[in-house]
Protein backbone atom coordinates (compact mmCIF):
# COMPACT_ATOMS: atom_id res chain seq x y z
CA MET A 1 -49.21 12.69 -1.03
CA GLN A 2 -45.69 12.70 -2.77
CA LYS A 3 -47.16 12.53 -6.12
CA PHE A 4 -49.59 15.41 -5.28
CA PHE A 5 -46.49 17.51 -4.24
CA GLU A 6 -44.71 16.45 -7.33
CA LEU A 7 -47.72 17.53 -9.45
CA ILE A 8 -47.80 21.02 -7.75
CA ILE A 9 -44.03 21.51 -8.34
CA LYS A 10 -44.34 20.58 -12.12
CA LEU A 11 -47.47 22.96 -12.42
CA LYS A 12 -46.27 25.73 -10.11
CA GLU A 13 -46.51 28.42 -12.76
CA VAL A 14 -50.15 27.35 -13.52
CA VAL A 15 -51.03 27.32 -9.85
CA VAL A 16 -49.48 30.72 -9.16
CA PHE A 17 -51.39 32.18 -12.27
CA LEU A 18 -54.68 30.80 -11.08
CA ALA A 19 -54.14 32.06 -7.64
CA LEU A 20 -53.27 35.52 -8.81
CA SER A 21 -56.17 35.66 -11.20
CA SER A 22 -58.54 34.72 -8.44
CA ILE A 23 -57.16 37.40 -6.19
CA SER A 24 -57.40 39.99 -8.98
CA LEU A 25 -61.00 39.17 -9.61
CA SER A 26 -61.79 39.39 -5.96
CA LEU A 27 -60.11 42.72 -5.66
CA ILE A 28 -62.01 44.11 -8.65
CA THR A 29 -65.23 43.37 -6.88
CA LEU A 30 -64.23 45.15 -3.75
CA GLY A 31 -63.92 48.60 -5.38
CA ASP A 32 -62.31 50.27 -2.31
CA ILE A 33 -58.68 51.19 -3.11
CA SER A 34 -57.58 51.27 0.47
CA LYS A 35 -58.83 47.82 1.16
CA VAL A 36 -57.11 46.60 -2.09
CA GLY A 37 -53.80 47.85 -0.90
CA GLY A 38 -53.91 46.08 2.46
CA TYR A 39 -55.26 42.99 0.81
CA ARG A 40 -52.57 43.10 -1.82
CA THR A 41 -49.91 43.21 0.80
CA LEU A 42 -51.36 40.13 2.50
CA VAL A 43 -51.62 38.35 -0.84
CA VAL A 44 -48.02 39.00 -1.72
CA ALA A 45 -46.80 37.82 1.65
CA THR A 46 -48.87 34.71 1.51
CA ILE A 47 -47.70 33.89 -1.99
CA GLY A 48 -44.08 34.36 -1.03
CA PHE A 49 -44.49 32.00 1.93
CA LEU A 50 -46.08 29.43 -0.11
CA GLN A 51 -43.47 29.63 -2.86
CA LYS A 52 -40.84 29.28 -0.24
CA GLU A 53 -42.31 26.22 1.32
CA ILE A 54 -43.08 24.56 -2.07
CA PHE A 55 -39.51 24.94 -3.35
CA ARG A 56 -38.20 23.61 -0.12
CA LEU A 57 -39.92 20.23 -0.93
CA PRO A 58 -37.49 17.74 -2.44
CA ASN A 59 -37.68 16.65 -6.14
CA LEU A 60 -38.09 12.94 -5.63
CA SER A 61 -37.43 12.01 -9.33
CA ALA A 62 -34.28 14.04 -9.37
CA LEU A 63 -33.13 12.49 -6.15
CA GLN A 64 -33.66 9.05 -7.54
CA SER A 65 -31.68 9.80 -10.57
CA GLU A 66 -28.93 11.31 -8.44
CA ASN A 67 -28.83 8.20 -6.10
CA SER A 68 -28.68 5.90 -9.12
CA ALA A 69 -25.75 7.74 -10.53
CA LEU A 70 -24.00 7.61 -7.22
CA ARG A 71 -24.52 4.07 -6.79
CA GLU A 72 -23.05 3.39 -10.19
CA ILE A 73 -20.00 5.53 -9.34
CA ASN A 74 -19.52 3.62 -6.12
CA PHE A 75 -19.79 0.37 -7.84
CA ASN A 76 -17.09 1.32 -10.38
CA LEU A 77 -14.87 2.63 -7.75
CA SER A 78 -15.23 -0.42 -5.64
CA GLN A 79 -14.33 -2.53 -8.63
CA ARG A 80 -11.27 -0.43 -9.38
CA ILE A 81 -10.22 -0.79 -5.65
CA MET A 82 -10.61 -4.55 -5.84
CA LEU A 83 -8.61 -4.86 -9.11
CA ALA A 84 -5.93 -2.71 -7.48
CA ARG A 85 -5.78 -4.92 -4.46
CA VAL A 86 -5.55 -8.04 -6.48
CA ALA A 87 -2.76 -6.54 -8.55
CA GLU A 88 -1.00 -5.60 -5.36
CA LEU A 89 -1.27 -9.10 -3.95
CA GLU A 90 -0.07 -10.72 -7.28
CA ASN A 91 2.94 -8.22 -7.26
CA GLU A 92 3.93 -9.21 -3.76
CA SER A 93 3.59 -12.90 -4.55
CA LEU A 94 5.72 -12.42 -7.75
CA ARG A 95 8.37 -10.51 -5.84
CA ARG A 96 8.60 -13.33 -3.22
CA LEU A 97 8.78 -15.98 -5.92
CA VAL A 98 11.53 -14.00 -7.81
CA GLY A 99 13.38 -13.87 -4.52
CA LEU A 100 13.63 -17.73 -4.54
CA LYS A 101 16.82 -17.36 -6.67
CA GLU A 102 18.73 -16.53 -3.53
CA ARG A 103 17.27 -19.43 -1.60
CA PHE A 104 17.64 -22.15 -4.36
CA PRO A 105 20.57 -22.50 -6.63
CA VAL A 106 18.52 -24.76 -8.99
CA ASP A 107 16.54 -23.24 -11.77
CA TYR A 108 12.80 -23.00 -11.44
CA GLU A 109 9.72 -22.13 -13.45
CA ILE A 110 6.70 -19.97 -12.17
CA ALA A 111 3.37 -21.45 -13.21
CA ASP A 112 -0.28 -20.66 -12.70
CA VAL A 113 -2.74 -23.23 -11.20
CA ILE A 114 -5.51 -23.63 -13.70
CA GLY A 115 -7.49 -26.39 -12.10
CA SER A 116 -7.82 -29.10 -9.41
CA LEU A 117 -9.21 -32.57 -9.44
CA GLU A 118 -9.54 -35.78 -7.32
CA ILE A 119 -8.58 -39.16 -8.72
CA ASP A 120 -9.20 -42.24 -6.60
CA LEU A 121 -9.34 -40.17 -3.33
CA ARG A 122 -6.09 -38.47 -4.30
CA LYS A 123 -5.78 -34.67 -4.83
CA PHE A 124 -4.08 -33.09 -7.90
CA ILE A 125 -3.76 -29.65 -9.30
CA THR A 126 -2.91 -28.81 -12.99
CA ILE A 127 -0.46 -25.99 -13.96
CA ASN A 128 0.04 -24.28 -17.19
CA LYS A 129 3.77 -25.22 -17.81
CA GLY A 130 5.11 -28.39 -19.25
CA LYS A 131 7.86 -30.00 -21.30
CA ASN A 132 8.27 -26.83 -23.47
CA SER A 133 9.23 -24.96 -20.19
CA GLY A 134 11.72 -27.53 -19.15
CA ILE A 135 9.47 -29.26 -16.63
CA LYS A 136 10.05 -32.93 -15.96
CA ARG A 137 8.24 -35.65 -14.13
CA LEU A 138 9.03 -35.88 -10.38
CA ALA A 139 9.97 -32.11 -10.16
CA THR A 140 9.34 -30.62 -6.75
CA VAL A 141 6.57 -27.99 -6.62
CA GLY A 142 6.06 -25.37 -3.90
CA THR A 143 4.91 -21.84 -3.25
CA ASP A 144 6.83 -19.02 -1.67
CA VAL A 145 5.88 -20.19 1.86
CA GLY A 146 6.22 -24.05 1.52
CA LEU A 147 6.08 -27.43 -0.13
CA VAL A 148 2.97 -28.26 -2.30
CA GLY A 149 3.83 -31.60 -4.00
CA TYR A 150 5.64 -33.02 -6.99
CA VAL A 151 4.92 -33.50 -10.72
CA VAL A 152 3.50 -36.88 -11.69
CA SER A 153 2.67 -36.32 -15.38
CA VAL A 154 3.81 -33.75 -17.97
CA SER A 155 2.54 -32.74 -21.49
CA ASP A 156 3.96 -30.05 -23.82
CA ASN A 157 2.20 -27.23 -22.05
CA TYR A 158 0.65 -28.62 -18.92
CA SER A 159 1.61 -30.59 -15.83
CA LEU A 160 -0.22 -32.62 -13.23
CA VAL A 161 0.87 -32.19 -9.64
CA GLU A 162 0.13 -34.51 -6.84
CA LEU A 163 -0.27 -32.64 -3.54
CA ILE A 164 1.37 -33.99 -0.29
CA ASN A 165 -1.96 -33.82 1.53
CA ASN A 166 -2.57 -37.35 0.12
CA THR A 167 -2.35 -40.53 2.26
CA ASN A 168 -0.04 -42.25 -0.16
CA VAL A 169 2.62 -39.39 -0.27
CA LYS A 170 5.39 -39.72 2.32
CA VAL A 171 7.85 -36.93 2.59
CA PRO A 172 11.28 -37.52 4.28
CA SER A 173 11.46 -34.53 6.74
CA LEU A 174 13.90 -32.80 8.89
CA ILE A 175 13.47 -30.69 12.07
CA LEU A 176 15.62 -27.89 11.36
CA ARG A 177 16.57 -26.92 14.99
CA SER A 178 17.62 -30.36 16.11
CA GLY A 179 18.30 -32.25 12.97
CA VAL A 180 15.87 -35.00 13.94
CA GLN A 181 14.45 -36.75 10.93
CA GLY A 182 11.21 -38.50 10.24
CA ILE A 183 8.37 -39.12 7.56
CA LEU A 184 5.70 -36.61 7.07
CA ASN A 185 2.36 -38.18 6.06
CA TRP A 186 -1.29 -37.04 5.70
CA ASP A 187 -3.62 -39.33 7.66
CA GLY A 188 -6.79 -37.87 6.23
CA ASP A 189 -7.24 -35.07 8.73
CA GLU A 190 -3.83 -33.60 9.53
CA PHE A 191 -0.09 -33.97 8.78
CA LEU A 192 1.78 -36.36 11.11
CA LEU A 193 5.53 -36.69 11.66
CA LYS A 194 6.15 -40.38 11.98
CA ASP A 195 8.96 -42.72 12.89
CA VAL A 196 10.41 -40.28 15.43
CA PRO A 197 11.20 -41.89 18.90
CA LYS A 198 9.88 -39.84 21.86
CA PHE A 199 13.40 -39.54 23.48
CA LEU A 200 14.66 -37.29 20.63
CA ASP A 201 14.89 -33.41 20.82
CA ILE A 202 11.41 -32.33 19.47
CA LYS A 203 9.51 -29.15 20.65
CA VAL A 204 6.29 -27.51 19.72
CA GLY A 205 7.09 -24.67 17.25
CA ASP A 206 10.02 -26.36 15.57
CA THR A 207 10.35 -25.86 11.78
CA VAL A 208 10.02 -28.81 9.61
CA VAL A 209 11.67 -29.04 6.16
CA THR A 210 12.27 -31.54 3.54
CA SER A 211 15.28 -33.82 4.18
CA LYS A 212 18.33 -34.11 1.96
CA HIS A 213 17.73 -37.86 1.95
CA SER A 214 14.55 -37.45 0.01
CA LEU A 215 14.43 -39.06 -3.49
CA ARG A 216 11.56 -36.91 -4.86
CA PHE A 217 11.74 -33.54 -3.01
CA TYR A 218 14.37 -30.86 -3.13
CA PRO A 219 16.18 -30.57 0.28
CA PHE A 220 15.32 -27.88 2.88
CA ILE A 221 12.02 -26.69 1.38
CA PRO A 222 9.89 -25.44 4.30
CA ILE A 223 6.86 -27.60 5.16
CA GLY A 224 5.38 -26.38 8.38
CA VAL A 225 5.78 -26.19 12.11
CA ILE A 226 5.18 -28.78 14.92
CA LEU A 227 1.71 -28.02 16.31
CA SER A 228 1.53 -30.62 19.10
CA LYS A 229 3.40 -33.70 20.49
CA GLU A 230 1.39 -36.22 22.36
CA GLU A 231 3.08 -39.16 24.11
CA LYS A 232 1.35 -42.31 25.39
CA GLU A 233 2.57 -44.66 28.00
CA GLY A 234 4.13 -47.83 26.71
CA GLU A 235 4.51 -46.42 23.04
CA LEU A 236 7.93 -45.56 21.60
CA PHE A 237 6.70 -43.13 18.95
CA PRO A 238 4.63 -40.02 19.97
CA ARG A 239 1.85 -38.36 17.96
CA ILE A 240 3.42 -35.37 16.22
CA VAL A 241 0.98 -33.04 14.37
CA VAL A 242 2.53 -30.59 11.90
CA LYS A 243 0.72 -27.54 10.68
CA PRO A 244 1.74 -26.81 7.07
CA PHE A 245 2.76 -23.36 5.91
CA VAL A 246 0.75 -23.73 2.65
CA ASN A 247 -3.05 -23.18 2.61
CA PHE A 248 -3.99 -26.26 0.39
CA ASN A 249 -7.46 -24.73 -0.15
CA PHE A 250 -6.27 -21.66 -1.97
CA PHE A 251 -3.12 -20.96 -3.99
CA GLU A 252 -2.88 -19.38 -7.48
CA GLN A 253 0.80 -19.61 -8.37
CA VAL A 254 3.47 -22.18 -7.72
CA PHE A 255 7.11 -22.68 -8.62
CA VAL A 256 8.46 -25.87 -10.18
CA LEU A 257 12.01 -26.72 -9.34
CA LYS A 258 13.90 -28.12 -12.22
CA ASN A 259 15.79 -30.56 -9.99
CA ASP A 260 17.09 -33.79 -11.61
CA VAL A 261 15.66 -36.99 -10.00
CA ASP A 262 17.35 -40.37 -10.42
CA LYS A 263 14.54 -42.11 -12.14
CA GLU A 264 16.10 -45.60 -11.84
CA LEU A 265 16.39 -45.16 -8.11
CA ASP A 266 12.83 -43.76 -7.84
CA LYS A 267 11.40 -46.64 -9.86
CA LEU A 268 13.36 -49.10 -7.70
CA VAL A 269 11.83 -47.61 -4.48
CA ALA A 270 8.30 -47.48 -6.13
CA ASN A 271 8.44 -51.07 -7.17
CA PHE A 272 9.58 -52.16 -3.60
CA GLU A 273 6.77 -50.22 -2.07
CA ASP A 274 4.30 -52.02 -4.51
CA ILE A 275 5.72 -55.30 -3.41
CA VAL A 276 5.26 -54.53 0.30
CA ARG A 277 1.71 -53.22 -0.34
CA LEU A 278 0.76 -56.30 -2.26
CA SER A 279 2.26 -58.59 0.37
CA LYS A 280 -0.10 -57.12 3.01
CA GLN A 281 -3.12 -57.91 0.91
CA PRO A 282 -4.88 -61.33 1.18
CA LEU A 283 -4.11 -63.77 -1.58
CA LEU A 284 -6.68 -64.56 -4.25
CA PRO A 285 -7.92 -68.24 -4.43
CA GLU A 286 -5.94 -68.80 -7.58
CA GLN A 287 -2.80 -67.34 -5.88
CA LYS A 288 -2.95 -69.65 -2.88
CA LEU A 289 -0.62 -72.60 -2.57
CA ASN A 290 -2.30 -75.89 -3.74
CA VAL A 291 -0.32 -78.66 -1.80
CA LYS A 292 -2.12 -81.51 -3.48
CA LYS A 293 -1.33 -80.28 -7.00
CA LEU A 294 2.31 -79.79 -6.04
CA ARG A 295 2.68 -83.37 -4.87
CA GLU A 296 1.08 -84.76 -8.01
CA GLU A 297 3.44 -82.58 -10.03
CA ARG A 298 6.41 -83.79 -7.85
CA LYS A 299 5.49 -87.47 -8.44
CA ARG A 300 5.20 -86.81 -12.12
CA LEU A 301 8.75 -85.33 -12.35
CA ASP A 302 10.14 -88.13 -10.28
CA SER A 303 8.62 -90.82 -12.47
CA ILE A 304 10.12 -89.06 -15.52
CA ALA A 305 13.49 -88.94 -13.85
CA GLY A 306 13.30 -92.74 -12.95
CA LYS A 307 12.50 -93.63 -16.51
CA LYS A 308 15.58 -91.79 -17.73
């Protein structure tokens, strides 16, 4: 039906001409002028009514073209709005990062996160700044809201950052309100503040920051807030859950503090941690003590000493 109306609209001049020609021929056959005048009035009124109704019908092809143009305009406008919103968020983030000068006297470098990876169940990110920007290994990495991790490897233009939401990373921490200290550690599901006796002053909502006794992390960087504290009867240490300020699933920019870390002291602690970890593992067969062999070796040495 719509195609029929479109055809009538396109050929309206032809339709009107044919209708008028038919009316003229019919009037000629009548021969009575009085009848012709009344009939002519009727025909003119009828044609006017038909033209009015026909022109009221929408032009579907024109509407489709107009809708297509409007959709394209809406898409372009939405893209511009999105780009403007992204630029606004980036500017806000940059303003907050620039404001860090007032909070930290140490120099820092702003870097973009260009990738993330997982190595041996440990999570890392890569950033687009390295040695050429003055970044060194073990430098503290964070965002405008809190701690992210520390640099573990550096090249000329890139750095690899280990995140603190790894089970092997332990962050010496401090409860800002009461001064209580503990060790923050990721247990695979959430952050726990460990080694804190239950009789110390700890409350839900307390802010947790890095401790000044940390070897790897710059002191007083925000970490999160205490989400819950669960005490069990007969246990000295409660289960303290910390909610981090940083969303580790999404961040695009970080700052790298150019804090100097005592590498000798860090190596000493790392070596001791390796010794402790290895001591908890079962010995291999070749590492086990062979008493019989030791006795034979002792006899051999005693015989050599007796001959002398």
